[in-house]
Amino acid sequence: MEVGYIFDEHLRGTPVEIIVRHAMGMGFELDLLQVGEFPELPTGMHDRDILRWAEVHDRVIVSLDRSTMITHFNEHIRAGGHCPGLFFLRNASPAQIAEHLVLVAYASDPAEWHDWVDFIPWRSAAH
């Protein structure tokens, strides 16, 4: 089963287009939505609302916002909520992000990411 993603509003426009192009270059499409793309996902949407929306629509959240999203994620889980997964970007290139998202979407079981926080890590060019 393929994993779907919701990118928070800090990940919009050209960076997302580049990630999608990298995935397509690897021969894969990503099921990806963005906050601010639809009326039900407006910009300025609170983290708590994004978490509830992701739970209802079974989408892994991809975010840059480690400062507040992790706090709201923990509150959401403690209150009995669930999350299909939460990925934070940490200095990763668009190609690295695309590779990670493709691997999760096509080569893992979505249950592996349920209520889980992961970081899409930075890898130096020397590796």
N, C-alpha and C. Protein backbone atom coordinates (compact mmCIF):
# COMPACT_ATOMS: atom_id res chain seq x y z
N MET A 1 0.84 -1.19 0.00
CA MET A 1 0.00 0.00 0.00
C MET A 1 0.88 1.24 0.00
N GLU A 2 0.59 2.17 -0.87
CA GLU A 2 1.38 3.39 -0.99
C GLU A 2 1.05 4.37 0.12
N VAL A 3 2.07 5.08 0.59
CA VAL A 3 1.93 6.09 1.62
C VAL A 3 1.65 7.44 0.96
N GLY A 4 0.70 8.19 1.52
CA GLY A 4 0.42 9.54 1.06
C GLY A 4 1.02 10.54 2.04
N TYR A 5 1.35 11.72 1.54
CA TYR A 5 2.02 12.74 2.35
C TYR A 5 1.22 14.04 2.35
N ILE A 6 1.38 14.79 3.44
CA ILE A 6 0.92 16.17 3.50
C ILE A 6 2.13 17.01 3.93
N PHE A 7 2.51 17.96 3.08
CA PHE A 7 3.62 18.86 3.39
C PHE A 7 3.06 20.08 4.09
N ASP A 8 3.71 20.51 5.18
CA ASP A 8 3.22 21.70 5.87
C ASP A 8 3.48 22.94 5.01
N GLU A 9 2.96 24.07 5.43
CA GLU A 9 2.99 25.26 4.58
C GLU A 9 4.39 25.83 4.38
N HIS A 10 5.35 25.40 5.16
CA HIS A 10 6.73 25.87 4.99
C HIS A 10 7.42 25.17 3.82
N LEU A 11 6.77 24.15 3.29
CA LEU A 11 7.30 23.38 2.16
C LEU A 11 6.34 23.53 0.99
N ARG A 12 6.48 24.61 0.28
CA ARG A 12 5.56 24.87 -0.84
C ARG A 12 6.34 25.36 -2.04
N GLY A 13 5.70 25.27 -3.17
CA GLY A 13 6.24 25.86 -4.39
C GLY A 13 7.41 25.11 -4.98
N THR A 14 8.43 25.84 -5.38
CA THR A 14 9.56 25.29 -6.12
C THR A 14 10.25 24.13 -5.40
N PRO A 15 10.53 24.20 -4.10
CA PRO A 15 11.19 23.05 -3.45
C PRO A 15 10.38 21.76 -3.60
N VAL A 16 9.07 21.86 -3.48
CA VAL A 16 8.22 20.67 -3.62
C VAL A 16 8.24 20.18 -5.07
N GLU A 17 8.19 21.11 -6.00
CA GLU A 17 8.25 20.72 -7.42
C GLU A 17 9.55 19.98 -7.73
N ILE A 18 10.65 20.43 -7.16
CA ILE A 18 11.94 19.77 -7.38
C ILE A 18 11.93 18.37 -6.78
N ILE A 19 11.37 18.22 -5.59
CA ILE A 19 11.26 16.89 -4.95
C ILE A 19 10.44 15.96 -5.82
N VAL A 20 9.31 16.45 -6.32
CA VAL A 20 8.44 15.64 -7.18
C VAL A 20 9.18 15.24 -8.46
N ARG A 21 9.92 16.18 -9.06
CA ARG A 21 10.70 15.86 -10.27
C ARG A 21 11.75 14.79 -10.01
N HIS A 22 12.43 14.88 -8.87
CA HIS A 22 13.42 13.85 -8.52
C HIS A 22 12.76 12.48 -8.39
N ALA A 23 11.61 12.43 -7.73
CA ALA A 23 10.89 11.16 -7.59
C ALA A 23 10.50 10.61 -8.95
N MET A 24 9.99 11.48 -9.81
CA MET A 24 9.60 11.05 -11.15
C MET A 24 10.81 10.57 -11.94
N GLY A 25 11.96 11.21 -11.74
CA GLY A 25 13.19 10.79 -12.39
C GLY A 25 13.63 9.40 -11.95
N MET A 26 13.21 9.00 -10.75
CA MET A 26 13.50 7.65 -10.26
C MET A 26 12.43 6.67 -10.72
N GLY A 27 11.40 7.18 -11.41
CA GLY A 27 10.33 6.33 -11.92
C GLY A 27 9.16 6.17 -10.97
N PHE A 28 9.00 7.09 -10.01
CA PHE A 28 7.94 6.98 -9.02
C PHE A 28 7.17 8.29 -8.90
N GLU A 29 5.88 8.17 -8.65
CA GLU A 29 5.06 9.33 -8.33
C GLU A 29 4.83 9.34 -6.82
N LEU A 30 4.78 10.54 -6.27
CA LEU A 30 4.47 10.69 -4.85
C LEU A 30 3.05 11.22 -4.71
N ASP A 31 2.29 10.62 -3.79
CA ASP A 31 0.96 11.09 -3.45
C ASP A 31 1.15 12.18 -2.40
N LEU A 32 1.20 13.42 -2.87
CA LEU A 32 1.63 14.51 -2.03
C LEU A 32 0.65 15.68 -2.13
N LEU A 33 0.20 16.15 -0.97
CA LEU A 33 -0.63 17.34 -0.87
C LEU A 33 0.13 18.37 -0.04
N GLN A 34 -0.26 19.63 -0.20
CA GLN A 34 0.41 20.70 0.52
C GLN A 34 -0.60 21.56 1.26
N VAL A 35 -0.27 21.93 2.49
CA VAL A 35 -1.09 22.91 3.21
C VAL A 35 -1.07 24.18 2.37
N GLY A 36 -2.24 24.76 2.17
CA GLY A 36 -2.38 25.95 1.35
C GLY A 36 -2.81 25.65 -0.07
N GLU A 37 -2.91 24.38 -0.39
CA GLU A 37 -3.25 23.96 -1.75
C GLU A 37 -4.77 23.86 -1.97
N PHE A 38 -5.52 23.61 -0.90
CA PHE A 38 -6.96 23.41 -0.98
C PHE A 38 -7.65 24.20 0.13
N PRO A 39 -8.92 24.55 -0.07
CA PRO A 39 -9.65 25.29 0.97
C PRO A 39 -9.67 24.56 2.32
N GLU A 40 -9.73 23.24 2.31
CA GLU A 40 -9.76 22.52 3.59
C GLU A 40 -8.38 22.43 4.23
N LEU A 41 -7.34 22.88 3.52
CA LEU A 41 -5.98 22.92 4.04
C LEU A 41 -5.40 24.32 3.85
N PRO A 42 -5.95 25.32 4.53
CA PRO A 42 -5.50 26.69 4.30
C PRO A 42 -4.14 26.98 4.92
N THR A 43 -3.43 27.96 4.35
CA THR A 43 -2.20 28.41 5.00
C THR A 43 -2.59 29.00 6.35
N GLY A 44 -1.68 28.94 7.28
CA GLY A 44 -1.96 29.40 8.62
C GLY A 44 -2.67 28.37 9.47
N MET A 45 -2.90 27.18 8.91
CA MET A 45 -3.57 26.10 9.64
C MET A 45 -2.70 25.71 10.84
N HIS A 46 -3.32 25.59 11.99
CA HIS A 46 -2.60 25.24 13.22
C HIS A 46 -2.09 23.81 13.16
N ASP A 47 -0.95 23.57 13.78
CA ASP A 47 -0.36 22.23 13.81
C ASP A 47 -1.35 21.18 14.31
N ARG A 48 -2.13 21.51 15.32
CA ARG A 48 -3.11 20.56 15.86
C ARG A 48 -4.11 20.14 14.79
N ASP A 49 -4.53 21.12 13.98
CA ASP A 49 -5.49 20.83 12.92
C ASP A 49 -4.85 20.00 11.81
N ILE A 50 -3.59 20.27 11.51
CA ILE A 50 -2.88 19.46 10.51
C ILE A 50 -2.77 18.02 11.00
N LEU A 51 -2.46 17.84 12.27
CA LEU A 51 -2.36 16.48 12.83
C LEU A 51 -3.70 15.75 12.75
N ARG A 52 -4.78 16.44 13.10
CA ARG A 52 -6.10 15.80 13.02
C ARG A 52 -6.46 15.48 11.56
N TRP A 53 -6.16 16.40 10.65
CA TRP A 53 -6.46 16.18 9.23
C TRP A 53 -5.65 14.99 8.71
N ALA A 54 -4.37 14.94 9.06
CA ALA A 54 -3.52 13.83 8.60
C ALA A 54 -4.02 12.49 9.14
N GLU A 55 -4.50 12.49 10.39
CA GLU A 55 -5.04 11.26 10.97
C GLU A 55 -6.28 10.80 10.20
N VAL A 56 -7.19 11.71 9.95
CA VAL A 56 -8.44 11.37 9.25
C VAL A 56 -8.17 10.90 7.82
N HIS A 57 -7.22 11.56 7.16
CA HIS A 57 -6.94 11.27 5.75
C HIS A 57 -5.75 10.33 5.54
N ASP A 58 -5.22 9.81 6.64
CA ASP A 58 -4.16 8.80 6.60
C ASP A 58 -2.96 9.25 5.76
N ARG A 59 -2.39 10.41 6.12
CA ARG A 59 -1.24 10.95 5.41
C ARG A 59 -0.11 11.26 6.38
N VAL A 60 1.09 10.90 6.00
CA VAL A 60 2.29 11.22 6.76
C VAL A 60 2.57 12.71 6.59
N ILE A 61 2.86 13.38 7.68
CA ILE A 61 3.18 14.81 7.65
C ILE A 61 4.68 14.97 7.40
N VAL A 62 5.03 15.87 6.49
CA VAL A 62 6.42 16.24 6.26
C VAL A 62 6.55 17.71 6.62
N SER A 63 7.48 18.03 7.52
CA SER A 63 7.54 19.37 8.09
C SER A 63 8.97 19.83 8.31
N LEU A 64 9.13 21.13 8.33
CA LEU A 64 10.38 21.76 8.76
C LEU A 64 10.26 22.26 10.18
N ASP A 65 9.05 22.31 10.72
CA ASP A 65 8.72 22.99 11.96
C ASP A 65 8.93 22.10 13.19
N ARG A 66 10.18 21.88 13.53
CA ARG A 66 10.47 21.06 14.72
C ARG A 66 10.14 21.79 16.01
N SER A 67 10.12 23.11 15.97
CA SER A 67 9.94 23.87 17.21
C SER A 67 8.57 23.70 17.83
N THR A 68 7.51 23.63 17.01
CA THR A 68 6.17 23.48 17.58
C THR A 68 5.48 22.18 17.21
N MET A 69 5.74 21.67 16.03
CA MET A 69 5.02 20.47 15.56
C MET A 69 5.26 19.27 16.48
N ILE A 70 6.48 19.09 16.98
CA ILE A 70 6.76 17.93 17.84
C ILE A 70 5.98 18.02 19.15
N THR A 71 5.83 19.22 19.68
CA THR A 71 5.05 19.41 20.91
C THR A 71 3.59 19.05 20.66
N HIS A 72 3.03 19.53 19.56
CA HIS A 72 1.64 19.24 19.25
C HIS A 72 1.45 17.77 18.88
N PHE A 73 2.43 17.17 18.24
CA PHE A 73 2.37 15.74 17.95
C PHE A 73 2.28 14.95 19.26
N ASN A 74 3.15 15.26 20.21
CA ASN A 74 3.14 14.54 21.50
C ASN A 74 1.83 14.75 22.24
N GLU A 75 1.29 15.97 22.22
CA GLU A 75 -0.01 16.23 22.85
C GLU A 75 -1.12 15.43 22.17
N HIS A 76 -1.07 15.38 20.85
CA HIS A 76 -2.07 14.65 20.06
C HIS A 76 -2.06 13.16 20.42
N ILE A 77 -0.89 12.59 20.51
CA ILE A 77 -0.76 11.15 20.85
C ILE A 77 -1.22 10.91 22.29
N ARG A 78 -0.78 11.77 23.23
CA ARG A 78 -1.19 11.60 24.64
C ARG A 78 -2.70 11.72 24.81
N ALA A 79 -3.36 12.51 23.96
CA ALA A 79 -4.81 12.69 24.04
C ALA A 79 -5.57 11.54 23.37
N GLY A 80 -4.85 10.53 22.89
CA GLY A 80 -5.50 9.38 22.27
C GLY A 80 -5.57 9.44 20.76
N GLY A 81 -5.01 10.50 20.18
CA GLY A 81 -4.98 10.60 18.72
C GLY A 81 -3.88 9.73 18.13
N HIS A 82 -3.88 9.65 16.83
CA HIS A 82 -2.85 8.89 16.11
C HIS A 82 -2.35 9.72 14.95
N CYS A 83 -1.22 9.32 14.44
CA CYS A 83 -0.63 10.01 13.30
C CYS A 83 -0.01 8.95 12.39
N PRO A 84 -0.28 9.02 11.09
CA PRO A 84 0.31 8.07 10.16
C PRO A 84 1.83 8.18 10.08
N GLY A 85 2.39 9.21 10.67
CA GLY A 85 3.83 9.43 10.69
C GLY A 85 4.13 10.90 10.59
N LEU A 86 5.29 11.29 11.10
CA LEU A 86 5.73 12.67 11.05
C LEU A 86 7.20 12.67 10.69
N PHE A 87 7.54 13.27 9.56
CA PHE A 87 8.92 13.36 9.09
C PHE A 87 9.38 14.81 9.15
N PHE A 88 10.51 15.03 9.78
CA PHE A 88 11.12 16.35 9.80
C PHE A 88 12.31 16.35 8.86
N LEU A 89 12.47 17.45 8.12
CA LEU A 89 13.61 17.60 7.23
C LEU A 89 14.75 18.22 8.01
N ARG A 90 15.94 17.66 7.80
CA ARG A 90 17.12 18.16 8.49
C ARG A 90 18.25 18.31 7.47
N ASN A 91 18.30 19.47 6.81
CA ASN A 91 19.36 19.78 5.85
C ASN A 91 19.52 18.74 4.75
N ALA A 92 18.44 18.22 4.28
CA ALA A 92 18.48 17.23 3.20
C ALA A 92 18.26 17.92 1.87
N SER A 93 18.92 17.41 0.85
CA SER A 93 18.72 17.95 -0.50
C SER A 93 17.38 17.44 -1.04
N PRO A 94 16.85 18.10 -2.07
CA PRO A 94 15.61 17.60 -2.68
C PRO A 94 15.73 16.15 -3.15
N ALA A 95 16.88 15.78 -3.68
CA ALA A 95 17.07 14.40 -4.12
C ALA A 95 17.02 13.43 -2.95
N GLN A 96 17.62 13.80 -1.83
CA GLN A 96 17.59 12.94 -0.63
C GLN A 96 16.18 12.83 -0.07
N ILE A 97 15.46 13.93 -0.09
CA ILE A 97 14.07 13.91 0.40
C ILE A 97 13.24 13.00 -0.49
N ALA A 98 13.37 13.19 -1.81
CA ALA A 98 12.60 12.36 -2.75
C ALA A 98 12.93 10.89 -2.55
N GLU A 99 14.20 10.56 -2.42
CA GLU A 99 14.61 9.16 -2.23
C GLU A 99 13.97 8.57 -0.97
N HIS A 100 14.00 9.32 0.12
CA HIS A 100 13.42 8.84 1.38
C HIS A 100 11.91 8.63 1.24
N LEU A 101 11.23 9.63 0.66
CA LEU A 101 9.78 9.53 0.53
C LEU A 101 9.37 8.39 -0.40
N VAL A 102 10.12 8.17 -1.46
CA VAL A 102 9.84 7.05 -2.37
C VAL A 102 10.05 5.72 -1.65
N LEU A 103 11.14 5.60 -0.91
CA LEU A 103 11.39 4.34 -0.19
C LEU A 103 10.28 4.06 0.82
N VAL A 104 9.86 5.08 1.55
CA VAL A 104 8.77 4.90 2.53
C VAL A 104 7.48 4.52 1.81
N ALA A 105 7.17 5.22 0.72
CA ALA A 105 5.90 5.01 0.02
C ALA A 105 5.83 3.65 -0.67
N TYR A 106 6.93 3.19 -1.23
CA TYR A 106 6.88 2.00 -2.08
C TYR A 106 7.58 0.78 -1.50
N ALA A 107 8.39 0.96 -0.47
CA ALA A 107 9.15 -0.20 0.03
C ALA A 107 8.98 -0.42 1.52
N SER A 108 7.92 0.11 2.09
CA SER A 108 7.67 -0.13 3.51
C SER A 108 6.18 -0.32 3.74
N ASP A 109 5.87 -0.83 4.89
CA ASP A 109 4.49 -0.99 5.31
C ASP A 109 4.08 0.30 6.03
N PRO A 110 2.98 0.94 5.64
CA PRO A 110 2.56 2.18 6.31
C PRO A 110 2.46 2.04 7.83
N ALA A 111 2.18 0.85 8.32
CA ALA A 111 2.06 0.65 9.76
C ALA A 111 3.39 0.90 10.48
N GLU A 112 4.50 0.78 9.77
CA GLU A 112 5.81 1.03 10.37
C GLU A 112 5.95 2.46 10.86
N TRP A 113 5.22 3.39 10.26
CA TRP A 113 5.38 4.81 10.56
C TRP A 113 4.29 5.35 11.48
N HIS A 114 3.31 4.52 11.80
CA HIS A 114 2.18 4.91 12.63
C HIS A 114 2.66 5.44 13.98
N ASP A 115 2.29 6.67 14.31
CA ASP A 115 2.66 7.33 15.57
C ASP A 115 4.17 7.46 15.75
N TRP A 116 4.89 7.56 14.66
CA TRP A 116 6.35 7.58 14.67
C TRP A 116 6.85 8.91 14.14
N VAL A 117 7.93 9.42 14.75
CA VAL A 117 8.61 10.62 14.26
C VAL A 117 9.94 10.18 13.68
N ASP A 118 10.25 10.69 12.50
CA ASP A 118 11.51 10.35 11.85
C ASP A 118 12.11 11.63 11.27
N PHE A 119 13.40 11.59 11.06
CA PHE A 119 14.11 12.71 10.45
C PHE A 119 14.65 12.26 9.11
N ILE A 120 14.45 13.09 8.11
CA ILE A 120 15.07 12.82 6.82
C ILE A 120 16.44 13.48 6.92
N PRO A 121 17.48 12.68 7.10
CA PRO A 121 18.79 13.22 7.49
C PRO A 121 19.56 13.85 6.35
N TRP A 122 20.48 14.68 6.77
CA TRP A 122 21.44 15.27 5.86
C TRP A 122 22.58 14.28 5.70
N ARG A 123 23.02 14.09 4.48
CA ARG A 123 24.19 13.26 4.21
C ARG A 123 25.18 14.11 3.44
N SER A 124 26.42 14.11 3.87
CA SER A 124 27.40 14.95 3.18
C SER A 124 27.73 14.38 1.82
N ALA A 125 28.19 15.23 0.93
CA ALA A 125 28.56 14.81 -0.42
C ALA A 125 29.74 13.85 -0.40
N ALA A 126 30.48 13.83 0.69
CA ALA A 126 31.65 12.94 0.80
C ALA A 126 31.24 11.47 0.93
N HIS A 127 30.00 11.21 1.31
CA HIS A 127 29.58 9.81 1.50
C HIS A 127 29.14 9.15 0.23
